[in-house]
Structures are given as structure tokens and as C-alpha cells.
Amino acid sequence: MFSVCLAVIMSIKSKFTIFISLLILIIIVGITTILYYAERKLLDEQMENHRKSLVAGLVQIGRESLLVGDDLILINYANLLKKTNPSIMDVIVTDKKGIIIAHTDSNLLKKQINAEPDTDKVKVESPVVFGTDEVAKCIINFSKVELEKIFEKGLKKTKQRVFTIGVASLIIGFFGAWLFSYLMTAPIELLSKGAKIVGSGNLEHKVRINRRDELGALADHFNMMTEKLKELDEMKRDFVSSLTHELRSPLGAIETYINLLLDKNPEYEKENFFRIKKNVSRLRNFINDLLDIAKIEKGKMEISPVPFDLSDAVKDIVDLFKLQAGEKKIDLAYSSDLSIINIKADEDHIKQVITNLVSNALKFTPAGGKICINAKLVQSKKTADYILVSVSDTGIGIPKDSLDKLFQKFEQVKGVREKIKGPKGTGLGLSIAKGIVELHGGKIWIESDINKGTTFFFTIPV
């Protein structure tokens, strides 16, 4: 239970540090263990080689002593070896018959060597050879107890050296683990604090992480998300403002004229009914837009394709807006070469798309401007034939960086929206138009130049 609670309470940095530290500890323990046994083996080999070298030196002196016939040289050298090497118990040189000719104990000279084994000694021997004949044998007996003391003394130094290396490596490793954990988790802590600040409503906050790895990319995406949230928040405020205006204004007008009617002023009755009808129409259109966008998003909008003449539909829309365009002194026309174009589509919805585009063009085209609707059949070798419809205006234009956003819900171009007078709309018309066109299997896009005009295109497959 405690371990579970500890795992929950510990921070990522602590977990990271502990995990890396344990990993380093295992590695260092493994390396030091291997190093210890390697040093132990090396020490054992060094001691063995030293014993062999002592015997080899004795053999060399024995050969020289036998050559000159002076056993004293050999006896003196044997005594010197024992005096300078505490681990040596005795040094013996025998002839080929086993008779001792040199010994560290002078009482044993000229006697037969004792061949009985002694478990307390480590015996190292080597022959003295002239040509192919073995003329003598050199033997050095080492004390097993003394050899073990020397070995343990050397091993103790090895242990101290390995321990020092291990402790130093652990200290460096633990510090490196902490530093690595800090470098990895510090950006995560900044992102966590940033998320808390943004969650509290401060959408201006930015996370500054100067890294070019995955965490740096995550910080960039976090800041992009914050920007998007800021845009959505502004969009929400604009929508609420527009919604309030779109609902409050007509409702207020309806209430006012109903009160006038209740006062029973006959001379204003017809005009007031007309105004009520106009405001009710505004409310109905707005609510219809909300319903349409909801249907499109849920995939519930149905289209009923029927054959109809697109040219007649365009002419009807031109006639519908002709009076409004005349009042704004805008030339509204359709292409003079527009011939009869029969297509199979949902006539009401296609008219709704063109009506939305013409309505937008009228809002953003100043007096003296021109709006033109064109439709033509495009025959393609790569794809199926399609109808290309365009609505062009000579209005104020749209910035390039806003073109891709215009088909989003409630999206309205800043700096452009403020330049128009009258109802601003709620930014649903183009989103609905896009949904209708795509339901027909077509696509819609925009081309625009600031202060030169805008053209909306959409296609309907034949």
C-alpha cells in the first residue's frame, strides 16, 4: 500500500532520477565486480610469474656456478634470495642424482633431497641443462601462508582502488541522473504551469522552451493551441455579440410595432406589419442557418437532386437582388454568354449557395462596384465533367492569410467586417455553402486581392 502511495506522490523527475540512478548503480556494480575479479586474476598471475622469474634467475646462476666449478656462488645467491624474499622458506639446488649441492640450510649440503610433499609449501622447480643433458635441478619452496598474506595485501589495494572508482562513478552517475532528469522534466513543468495558467483564462500566456527536440516541438504546439483557443474565444465573443444583435434587434422592433398596433393607429398599421414581417424574416433566416449548419455537421442534411436549368436559377437570384443592388448603386449581372445549363442537383440548396455568395458580395462591394455571376460547363479528360460557377465582385478584397479560414463556422475577417454598414451576419453562410457543395460532390474556393475584389468558385459534377 505504501509503495502504491509513494508511486502516486512522487514527481516524474523523482521517478526519472531514481530509475536512472538504479540503472547506473546496476551497471557500476557489474563493472566493478568484473574489474575486481580481473584484478584478482591479474595479481595471482603476477605473483606466479614472479616465483617463476626467481627460479629462472637461480637456474642462470646455477649454470654459471657449475661451469666454473664454484658451489659457493650458488650457495650465496640462494641465501640472498631467501633474505630478500620473505615468502621463500628454502632454496635448493641438487645434482642429477638428487644430492643437494646448494641449500639455504648449510647442514643439509651433500645430503639426499627429501621427496616427501609438504602442504605448507608452494614448490617451484626448474632443471639446469647443458645441451640436452639435465645436470642439476633448482628448487624454491615458498611459504603458503606468506604468499597468502602478500596476495591479500595486494588484493586489499585492489579492493580500495575498485571501491574508489566505484564510489566516484556513482557520485558522477547520480549527479548526471539528476541533471538529465532535470533537463527532461523542466520543460514538462513549464508546460504544466502554462496549461494551468491558460486553463485559468489567460490565453495570452506563452511557454518559452528553447529546444529543438520533441519537447521543444511540444511547446510550439502548445503555443499554437493557445493561439487557436484565443481565436476560438474571440470567435465565441463575436458570435455571442452577433447573436445578441441578430435576435435582440428584430425582437425589439417586433415588440415596438406590436405596441403601436395595440395603440390602434390605422395609418401606420400596414407599414408596421411590413416591418414586423421583415424582422421575423431576419430571425427565421438566422435560425434556419443555425439549423442547416447543425444538420451538415451531424450528416443529417438531405439533398434531393432533380434536373433543372441553372441559368434560370441564376437569373432568378439576380432579379431577387436587383433592387438591393440598385439602391447601393452596384451593377449586378450574369455572364452574357450564359446559355441553358441543365444539371441534376438540389435546386433549392444550389440557389441557397449562390444567394449566400451574392449576399456577401453586396456587403463588401462599395457603391459604383460590380458583381458578376457566371456558370459554364467544363469538360475534363482527367475527371468527370463539371459545372463551374463563379461570383465575382470589385469589393475591398480579403487578406491572403484569411482565405483558408473563411469557410469555418462564425469566421469573419477582422479589419474587413468593420468596414461594412448594416447587418454583419454571423459567419455561417460560407460554412453552409461549403457543406452543400461538398454534399453534391463538388468543391468551393476563393481568390481575392486587397482593394481589387474577390471571386468565389464552386463546382457541381455533371
Protein backbone atom coordinates (compact mmCIF):
# COMPACT_ATOMS: atom_id res chain seq x y z
CA MET A 1 0.00 0.00 0.00
CA PHE A 2 2.86 2.36 0.89
CA SER A 3 4.67 1.69 -2.39
CA VAL A 4 1.49 2.48 -4.34
CA CYS A 5 1.00 5.77 -2.47
CA LEU A 6 4.68 6.65 -2.97
CA ALA A 7 4.40 5.98 -6.71
CA VAL A 8 1.43 8.33 -6.89
CA ILE A 9 3.02 11.09 -4.79
CA MET A 10 6.48 11.10 -6.42
CA SER A 11 7.03 13.52 -9.27
CA ILE A 12 8.16 12.44 -12.72
CA LYS A 13 11.58 13.98 -12.02
CA SER A 14 11.97 11.86 -8.87
CA LYS A 15 10.88 8.71 -10.67
CA PHE A 16 13.18 9.50 -13.56
CA THR A 17 16.12 10.19 -11.22
CA ILE A 18 15.55 7.01 -9.21
CA PHE A 19 15.16 4.87 -12.33
CA ILE A 20 18.34 6.20 -13.97
CA SER A 21 20.23 6.01 -10.65
CA LEU A 22 19.26 2.36 -10.19
CA LEU A 23 20.29 1.65 -13.76
CA ILE A 24 23.65 3.35 -13.20
CA LEU A 25 24.07 1.52 -9.88
CA ILE A 26 23.49 -1.87 -11.54
CA ILE A 27 25.92 -1.01 -14.34
CA ILE A 28 28.63 0.23 -11.95
CA VAL A 29 28.24 -2.76 -9.60
CA GLY A 30 28.53 -5.06 -12.60
CA ILE A 31 31.58 -3.27 -13.97
CA THR A 32 33.35 -3.06 -10.59
CA THR A 33 32.67 -6.76 -9.93
CA ILE A 34 34.16 -7.69 -13.28
CA LEU A 35 37.08 -5.31 -12.65
CA TYR A 36 37.68 -6.80 -9.17
CA TYR A 37 37.85 -10.38 -10.38
CA ALA A 38 40.01 -9.35 -13.35
CA GLU A 39 42.43 -7.56 -10.97
CA ARG A 40 42.40 -10.60 -8.66
CA LYS A 41 43.30 -12.89 -11.52
CA LEU A 42 45.99 -10.49 -12.74
CA LEU A 43 47.51 -10.30 -9.23
CA ASP A 44 47.59 -14.08 -8.99
CA GLU A 45 49.31 -14.31 -12.38
CA GLN A 46 51.83 -11.62 -11.41
CA MET A 47 52.78 -13.50 -8.22
CA GLU A 48 53.14 -16.75 -10.12
CA ASN A 49 55.29 -15.09 -12.77
CA HIS A 50 57.42 -13.55 -10.01
CA ARG A 51 58.03 -17.00 -8.49
CA LYS A 52 58.96 -18.37 -11.88
CA SER A 53 61.34 -15.48 -12.51
CA LEU A 54 63.10 -16.13 -9.20
CA VAL A 55 63.62 -19.78 -10.14
CA ALA A 56 64.78 -18.74 -13.62
CA GLY A 57 67.38 -16.43 -12.03
CA LEU A 58 68.51 -19.27 -9.78
CA VAL A 59 68.88 -21.57 -12.81
CA GLN A 60 71.04 -18.97 -14.55
CA ILE A 61 73.31 -18.59 -11.52
CA GLY A 62 73.44 -22.39 -11.12
CA ARG A 63 74.60 -22.82 -14.72
CA GLU A 64 77.37 -20.25 -14.25
CA SER A 65 78.40 -21.81 -10.90
CA LEU A 66 78.62 -25.31 -12.38
CA LEU A 67 80.60 -24.04 -15.35
CA VAL A 68 83.29 -22.53 -13.12
CA GLY A 69 83.01 -25.34 -10.51
CA ASP A 70 82.32 -22.95 -7.63
CA ASP A 71 79.35 -24.04 -5.47
CA LEU A 72 79.88 -21.10 -3.12
CA ILE A 73 78.48 -18.70 -5.68
CA LEU A 74 75.30 -20.76 -5.81
CA ILE A 75 75.05 -21.02 -2.01
CA ASN A 76 75.50 -17.27 -1.53
CA TYR A 77 72.88 -16.50 -4.18
CA ALA A 78 70.41 -18.93 -2.53
CA ASN A 79 70.89 -17.17 0.83
CA LEU A 80 70.44 -13.78 -0.84
CA LEU A 81 67.15 -14.89 -2.40
CA LYS A 82 65.80 -16.04 0.96
CA LYS A 83 66.92 -12.84 2.70
CA THR A 84 65.31 -10.53 0.11
CA ASN A 85 62.05 -12.52 -0.32
CA PRO A 86 60.21 -13.18 2.97
CA SER A 87 57.90 -15.69 1.27
CA ILE A 88 60.81 -18.06 0.47
CA MET A 89 61.28 -20.89 3.00
CA ASP A 90 64.27 -22.53 1.39
CA VAL A 91 66.29 -22.63 -1.82
CA ILE A 92 67.68 -25.95 -3.01
CA VAL A 93 69.93 -26.99 -5.88
CA THR A 94 70.55 -30.72 -6.46
CA ASP A 95 72.65 -32.62 -8.92
CA LYS A 96 71.12 -35.13 -11.29
CA LYS A 97 71.30 -37.84 -8.56
CA GLY A 98 69.28 -35.73 -6.11
CA ILE A 99 72.29 -34.80 -3.89
CA ILE A 100 72.00 -31.26 -2.50
CA ILE A 101 74.83 -29.08 -3.77
CA ALA A 102 73.38 -25.74 -2.54
CA HIS A 103 70.88 -25.02 0.23
CA THR A 104 69.89 -22.15 2.46
CA ASP A 105 70.43 -24.57 5.36
CA SER A 106 74.13 -25.49 5.23
CA ASN A 107 73.52 -28.59 7.39
CA LEU A 108 71.70 -30.25 4.50
CA LEU A 109 74.54 -29.94 1.98
CA LYS A 110 75.70 -33.19 0.33
CA LYS A 111 72.59 -34.99 1.57
CA GLN A 112 69.78 -36.63 -0.40
CA ILE A 113 66.82 -34.34 -1.04
CA ASN A 114 63.63 -35.15 0.84
CA ALA A 115 60.98 -36.08 -1.77
CA GLU A 116 58.05 -36.04 0.67
CA PRO A 117 55.40 -33.40 -0.16
CA ASP A 118 54.76 -30.53 2.26
CA THR A 119 51.31 -28.94 2.20
CA ASP A 120 52.58 -25.74 3.84
CA LYS A 121 54.88 -25.02 0.91
CA VAL A 122 54.46 -23.99 -2.70
CA LYS A 123 57.18 -25.70 -4.68
CA VAL A 124 58.60 -24.19 -7.89
CA GLU A 125 61.39 -26.05 -9.68
CA SER A 126 63.31 -25.90 -12.94
CA PRO A 127 66.19 -28.00 -14.41
CA VAL A 128 69.70 -26.79 -15.23
CA VAL A 129 70.51 -28.07 -18.70
CA PHE A 130 73.74 -28.20 -20.66
CA GLY A 131 72.91 -29.01 -24.25
CA THR A 132 70.42 -31.84 -23.88
CA ASP A 133 71.67 -33.11 -20.53
CA GLU A 134 69.97 -32.19 -17.24
CA VAL A 135 72.89 -31.70 -14.87
CA ALA A 136 71.06 -30.17 -11.91
CA LYS A 137 67.70 -29.03 -10.58
CA CYS A 138 66.80 -25.73 -8.92
CA ILE A 139 64.00 -25.69 -6.35
CA ILE A 140 62.48 -22.82 -4.41
CA ASN A 141 59.92 -23.56 -1.69
CA PHE A 142 57.62 -20.69 -0.88
CA SER A 143 55.61 -20.39 2.30
CA LYS A 144 51.92 -20.79 1.50
CA VAL A 145 51.00 -18.59 4.48
CA GLU A 146 53.32 -15.78 3.39
CA LEU A 147 52.10 -15.99 -0.20
CA GLU A 148 48.53 -15.69 1.01
CA LYS A 149 49.47 -12.63 3.11
CA ILE A 150 51.13 -10.98 0.11
CA PHE A 151 48.15 -11.89 -2.06
CA GLU A 152 45.67 -10.48 0.48
CA LYS A 153 47.73 -7.29 0.83
CA GLY A 154 47.73 -6.77 -2.93
CA LEU A 155 44.04 -7.71 -3.09
CA LYS A 156 43.27 -5.15 -0.39
CA LYS A 157 44.84 -2.42 -2.52
CA THR A 158 42.85 -3.66 -5.49
CA LYS A 159 39.63 -3.52 -3.45
CA GLN A 160 40.41 0.03 -2.33
CA ARG A 161 41.15 1.10 -5.90
CA VAL A 162 38.00 -0.54 -7.29
CA PHE A 163 35.90 0.87 -4.41
CA THR A 164 37.24 4.39 -5.05
CA ILE A 165 36.48 4.11 -8.74
CA GLY A 166 33.00 2.73 -7.98
CA VAL A 167 32.12 5.46 -5.47
CA ALA A 168 33.39 8.22 -7.77
CA SER A 169 31.43 6.72 -10.67
CA LEU A 170 28.29 6.51 -8.51
CA ILE A 171 28.58 10.14 -7.43
CA ILE A 172 29.11 11.29 -11.01
CA GLY A 173 26.35 8.94 -12.20
CA PHE A 174 23.81 10.14 -9.59
CA PHE A 175 24.59 13.77 -10.38
CA GLY A 176 24.28 13.02 -14.11
CA ALA A 177 20.97 11.23 -13.47
CA TRP A 178 19.62 14.23 -11.56
CA LEU A 179 20.86 16.66 -14.21
CA PHE A 180 19.40 14.57 -17.04
CA SER A 181 16.09 14.24 -15.18
CA TYR A 182 16.02 18.00 -14.58
CA LEU A 183 16.72 18.78 -18.23
CA MET A 184 13.99 16.36 -19.33
CA THR A 185 11.32 17.35 -16.79
CA ALA A 186 11.91 21.12 -16.52
CA PRO A 187 10.14 21.77 -19.85
CA ILE A 188 7.30 19.47 -18.75
CA GLU A 189 6.92 21.52 -15.56
CA LEU A 190 6.83 24.71 -17.64
CA LEU A 191 4.14 23.16 -19.87
CA SER A 192 2.19 22.07 -16.79
CA LYS A 193 2.32 25.57 -15.30
CA GLY A 194 1.44 27.02 -18.70
CA ALA A 195 -1.57 24.72 -19.01
CA LYS A 196 -2.72 25.81 -15.54
CA ILE A 197 -2.36 29.50 -16.46
CA VAL A 198 -4.15 29.03 -19.79
CA GLY A 199 -6.83 26.97 -18.03
CA SER A 200 -7.44 29.86 -15.64
CA GLY A 201 -8.34 32.03 -18.64
CA ASN A 202 -5.07 33.79 -19.51
CA LEU A 203 -4.87 32.99 -23.24
CA GLU A 204 -2.00 35.47 -23.73
CA HIS A 205 0.44 33.19 -21.89
CA LYS A 206 3.26 31.64 -23.92
CA VAL A 207 5.58 28.80 -22.94
CA ARG A 208 9.21 29.63 -23.76
CA ILE A 209 11.30 26.48 -24.26
CA ASN A 210 14.41 26.98 -26.40
CA ARG A 211 14.93 23.39 -27.51
CA ARG A 212 14.95 21.68 -30.88
CA ASP A 213 13.78 18.25 -29.77
CA GLU A 214 10.36 16.68 -29.16
CA LEU A 215 9.78 18.80 -26.03
CA GLY A 216 10.55 21.98 -27.98
CA ALA A 217 8.08 20.87 -30.67
CA LEU A 218 5.51 20.13 -27.94
CA ALA A 219 5.95 23.66 -26.57
CA ASP A 220 5.46 25.10 -30.06
CA HIS A 221 2.28 23.04 -30.50
CA PHE A 222 1.12 24.18 -27.05
CA ASN A 223 1.57 27.82 -28.06
CA MET A 224 -0.23 27.16 -31.35
CA MET A 225 -3.06 25.58 -29.38
CA THR A 226 -3.20 28.65 -27.14
CA GLU A 227 -3.41 30.89 -30.20
CA LYS A 228 -6.20 28.73 -31.58
CA LEU A 229 -8.03 28.87 -28.25
CA LYS A 230 -7.64 32.63 -28.29
CA GLU A 231 -9.12 32.78 -31.80
CA LEU A 232 -11.97 30.50 -30.74
CA ASP A 233 -12.59 32.64 -27.68
CA GLU A 234 -12.71 35.79 -29.80
CA MET A 235 -14.93 33.97 -32.29
CA LYS A 236 -17.23 32.97 -29.45
CA ARG A 237 -17.44 36.56 -28.22
CA ASP A 238 -18.13 37.81 -31.74
CA PHE A 239 -20.76 35.14 -32.20
CA VAL A 240 -22.45 35.95 -28.90
CA SER A 241 -22.39 39.64 -29.84
CA SER A 242 -23.79 38.93 -33.30
CA LEU A 243 -26.33 36.50 -31.91
CA THR A 244 -27.46 39.06 -29.38
CA HIS A 245 -27.76 41.70 -32.07
CA GLU A 246 -29.47 39.40 -34.56
CA LEU A 247 -32.04 38.26 -32.03
CA ARG A 248 -32.46 41.41 -29.95
CA SER A 249 -32.84 43.91 -32.76
CA PRO A 250 -35.68 42.19 -34.64
CA LEU A 251 -37.38 41.17 -31.41
CA GLY A 252 -37.18 44.73 -30.13
CA ALA A 253 -38.58 46.03 -33.41
CA ILE A 254 -41.37 43.47 -33.38
CA GLU A 255 -42.24 44.43 -29.81
CA THR A 256 -42.28 48.12 -30.67
CA TYR A 257 -44.54 47.73 -33.68
CA ILE A 258 -46.84 45.37 -31.87
CA ASN A 259 -47.22 48.04 -29.18
CA LEU A 260 -48.04 50.57 -31.89
CA LEU A 261 -50.62 48.23 -33.34
CA LEU A 262 -52.07 47.79 -29.91
CA ASP A 263 -52.48 51.54 -29.79
CA LYS A 264 -54.64 51.09 -32.92
CA ASN A 265 -53.20 53.80 -35.17
CA PRO A 266 -54.71 52.79 -38.55
CA GLU A 267 -52.47 54.98 -40.66
CA TYR A 268 -49.37 53.11 -39.51
CA GLU A 269 -50.90 49.65 -39.44
CA LYS A 270 -49.83 48.45 -42.92
CA GLU A 271 -46.31 49.84 -42.67
CA ASN A 272 -45.81 48.35 -39.21
CA PHE A 273 -46.99 44.91 -40.32
CA PHE A 274 -44.45 45.11 -43.13
CA ARG A 275 -41.68 45.91 -40.66
CA ILE A 276 -42.75 43.07 -38.38
CA LYS A 277 -42.65 40.72 -41.34
CA LYS A 278 -39.16 41.92 -42.27
CA ASN A 279 -37.77 41.34 -38.77
CA VAL A 280 -39.47 37.98 -38.47
CA SER A 281 -37.85 37.05 -41.77
CA ARG A 282 -34.42 38.04 -40.38
CA LEU A 283 -34.98 35.85 -37.33
CA ARG A 284 -36.22 32.95 -39.47
CA ASN A 285 -33.19 33.15 -41.78
CA PHE A 286 -30.81 33.23 -38.85
CA ILE A 287 -32.45 30.27 -37.15
CA ASN A 288 -32.52 28.38 -40.47
CA ASP A 289 -28.78 28.98 -40.81
CA LEU A 290 -28.17 27.54 -37.34
CA LEU A 291 -30.32 24.51 -38.17
CA ASP A 292 -28.57 24.00 -41.53
CA ILE A 293 -25.10 24.11 -40.02
CA ALA A 294 -26.18 21.65 -37.31
CA LYS A 295 -27.57 19.27 -39.96
CA ILE A 296 -24.38 19.48 -42.03
CA GLU A 297 -22.17 18.75 -39.01
CA LYS A 298 -24.28 15.75 -38.00
CA GLY A 299 -24.57 14.48 -41.57
CA LYS A 300 -28.33 14.89 -41.44
CA MET A 301 -28.77 17.35 -44.30
CA GLU A 302 -30.55 15.68 -47.19
CA ILE A 303 -30.31 16.70 -50.83
CA SER A 304 -32.88 15.83 -53.46
CA PRO A 305 -31.23 16.01 -56.89
CA VAL A 306 -33.63 16.87 -59.71
CA PRO A 307 -32.94 18.16 -63.25
CA PHE A 308 -33.24 21.95 -63.54
CA ASP A 309 -31.93 24.82 -65.62
CA LEU A 310 -29.06 26.50 -63.72
CA SER A 311 -29.21 29.57 -65.99
CA ASP A 312 -32.82 30.22 -64.96
CA ALA A 313 -31.88 29.80 -61.31
CA VAL A 314 -29.09 32.37 -61.66
CA LYS A 315 -31.45 34.82 -63.40
CA ASP A 316 -33.97 34.42 -60.56
CA ILE A 317 -31.28 35.26 -57.98
CA VAL A 318 -30.17 38.30 -59.99
CA ASP A 319 -33.78 39.51 -60.11
CA LEU A 320 -34.08 38.92 -56.36
CA PHE A 321 -31.10 41.17 -55.53
CA LYS A 322 -31.54 43.68 -58.35
CA LEU A 323 -33.42 46.21 -56.23
CA GLN A 324 -30.95 45.97 -53.34
CA ALA A 325 -28.01 46.32 -55.73
CA GLY A 326 -29.65 49.34 -57.37
CA GLU A 327 -30.08 51.03 -54.01
CA LYS A 328 -26.35 50.57 -53.34
CA LYS A 329 -25.51 51.67 -56.91
CA ILE A 330 -23.87 48.31 -57.68
CA ASP A 331 -24.03 46.72 -61.11
CA LEU A 332 -25.32 43.15 -60.63
CA ALA A 333 -25.30 40.96 -63.73
CA TYR A 334 -24.77 37.47 -65.03
CA SER A 335 -22.50 36.45 -67.87
CA SER A 336 -23.93 37.48 -71.26
CA ASP A 337 -22.86 34.16 -72.80
CA LEU A 338 -24.72 32.17 -70.15
CA SER A 339 -26.70 29.58 -72.08
CA ILE A 340 -29.11 26.93 -70.89
CA ILE A 341 -27.30 24.63 -68.49
CA ASN A 342 -29.26 21.61 -67.35
CA ILE A 343 -27.90 19.92 -64.24
CA LYS A 344 -29.17 17.36 -61.75
CA ALA A 345 -28.85 18.75 -58.26
CA ASP A 346 -30.91 20.03 -55.33
CA GLU A 347 -32.20 23.28 -56.85
CA ASP A 348 -33.14 24.95 -53.55
CA HIS A 349 -29.77 24.24 -51.96
CA ILE A 350 -27.78 25.34 -55.02
CA LYS A 351 -29.81 28.56 -55.06
CA GLN A 352 -29.01 28.92 -51.35
CA VAL A 353 -25.26 28.70 -52.11
CA ILE A 354 -25.40 31.31 -54.89
CA THR A 355 -27.68 33.55 -52.78
CA ASN A 356 -25.18 33.45 -49.87
CA LEU A 357 -22.29 34.33 -52.20
CA VAL A 358 -24.17 37.21 -53.86
CA SER A 359 -25.34 38.49 -50.47
CA ASN A 360 -21.71 38.53 -49.24
CA ALA A 361 -20.57 40.29 -52.40
CA LEU A 362 -23.20 43.02 -51.90
CA LYS A 363 -22.00 43.60 -48.31
CA PHE A 364 -18.35 44.07 -49.23
CA THR A 365 -18.69 45.89 -52.58
CA PRO A 366 -18.79 49.71 -52.38
CA ALA A 367 -21.06 51.93 -54.44
CA GLY A 368 -20.13 52.00 -58.11
CA GLY A 369 -18.82 48.45 -57.96
CA LYS A 370 -19.79 45.41 -59.98
CA ILE A 371 -20.90 41.86 -59.20
CA CYS A 372 -20.99 39.20 -61.91
CA ILE A 373 -22.29 35.64 -61.80
CA ASN A 374 -21.01 33.15 -64.32
CA ALA A 375 -21.63 29.45 -64.93
CA LYS A 376 -20.12 27.20 -67.56
CA LEU A 377 -19.65 23.54 -68.42
CA VAL A 378 -16.06 22.29 -68.05
CA GLN A 379 -15.09 19.12 -69.88
CA SER A 380 -12.11 17.35 -68.34
CA LYS A 381 -10.09 14.38 -69.57
CA LYS A 382 -8.79 13.56 -66.10
CA THR A 383 -12.05 13.81 -64.15
CA ALA A 384 -15.78 13.80 -64.82
CA ASP A 385 -17.28 16.88 -66.48
CA TYR A 386 -18.48 19.53 -64.07
CA ILE A 387 -20.23 22.89 -63.87
CA LEU A 388 -18.07 25.79 -62.69
CA VAL A 389 -19.98 28.63 -61.03
CA SER A 390 -18.28 31.86 -60.02
CA VAL A 391 -19.43 35.01 -58.21
CA SER A 392 -17.03 37.93 -58.71
CA ASP A 393 -17.07 41.37 -57.15
CA THR A 394 -14.94 44.51 -57.20
CA GLY A 395 -15.08 44.89 -53.42
CA ILE A 396 -12.50 45.54 -50.75
CA GLY A 397 -10.91 42.07 -51.02
CA ILE A 398 -9.74 39.55 -48.42
CA PRO A 399 -6.22 39.14 -46.96
CA LYS A 400 -4.40 36.03 -48.20
CA ASP A 401 -3.88 34.65 -44.69
CA SER A 402 -7.64 34.69 -44.06
CA LEU A 403 -8.78 32.83 -47.18
CA ASP A 404 -8.48 29.33 -45.71
CA LYS A 405 -10.38 30.30 -42.55
CA LEU A 406 -13.45 31.87 -44.19
CA PHE A 407 -15.32 28.57 -44.54
CA GLN A 408 -15.09 27.91 -40.80
CA LYS A 409 -18.14 28.48 -38.63
CA PHE A 410 -18.62 32.04 -37.33
CA GLU A 411 -15.40 33.14 -39.07
CA GLN A 412 -15.35 36.78 -40.11
CA VAL A 413 -12.33 38.68 -41.39
CA LYS A 414 -11.05 41.24 -38.89
CA GLY A 415 -10.50 44.68 -40.30
CA VAL A 416 -12.87 43.93 -43.17
CA ARG A 417 -16.01 43.27 -41.18
CA GLU A 418 -15.76 46.70 -39.55
CA LYS A 419 -15.78 48.46 -42.93
CA ILE A 420 -19.32 47.43 -43.86
CA LYS A 421 -22.51 49.07 -42.71
CA GLY A 422 -25.75 47.40 -41.77
CA PRO A 423 -26.19 43.78 -40.57
CA LYS A 424 -22.87 41.98 -40.34
CA GLY A 425 -24.19 38.40 -40.33
CA THR A 426 -22.95 35.61 -38.10
CA GLY A 427 -20.35 33.93 -40.31
CA LEU A 428 -22.43 30.85 -41.05
CA GLY A 429 -23.31 31.45 -44.73
CA LEU A 430 -19.99 30.33 -46.24
CA SER A 431 -19.75 27.32 -43.93
CA ILE A 432 -23.23 26.25 -45.05
CA ALA A 433 -22.32 26.87 -48.72
CA LYS A 434 -19.22 24.68 -48.35
CA GLY A 435 -21.26 21.89 -46.76
CA ILE A 436 -23.89 21.97 -49.52
CA VAL A 437 -21.31 21.97 -52.33
CA GLU A 438 -19.41 19.06 -50.79
CA LEU A 439 -22.65 17.10 -50.34
CA HIS A 440 -23.06 17.40 -54.12
CA GLY A 441 -19.53 16.05 -54.61
CA GLY A 442 -18.06 19.43 -55.60
CA LYS A 443 -15.57 21.84 -54.04
CA ILE A 444 -15.51 25.55 -53.27
CA TRP A 445 -12.63 28.04 -53.04
CA ILE A 446 -11.76 31.74 -53.07
CA GLU A 447 -9.43 34.02 -54.99
CA SER A 448 -9.00 37.58 -53.79
CA ASP A 449 -6.82 40.70 -53.99
CA ILE A 450 -7.00 43.54 -51.50
CA ASN A 451 -8.84 46.58 -52.93
CA LYS A 452 -9.38 44.75 -56.23
CA GLY A 453 -12.08 42.26 -55.47
CA THR A 454 -12.96 38.68 -54.66
CA THR A 455 -14.19 35.69 -56.66
CA PHE A 456 -15.87 32.64 -55.16
CA PHE A 457 -15.78 29.45 -57.24
CA PHE A 458 -17.63 26.21 -56.75
CA THR A 459 -18.11 23.10 -58.86
CA ILE A 460 -21.02 20.69 -59.32
CA PRO A 461 -20.26 17.36 -61.05
CA VAL A 462 -22.45 16.69 -64.08
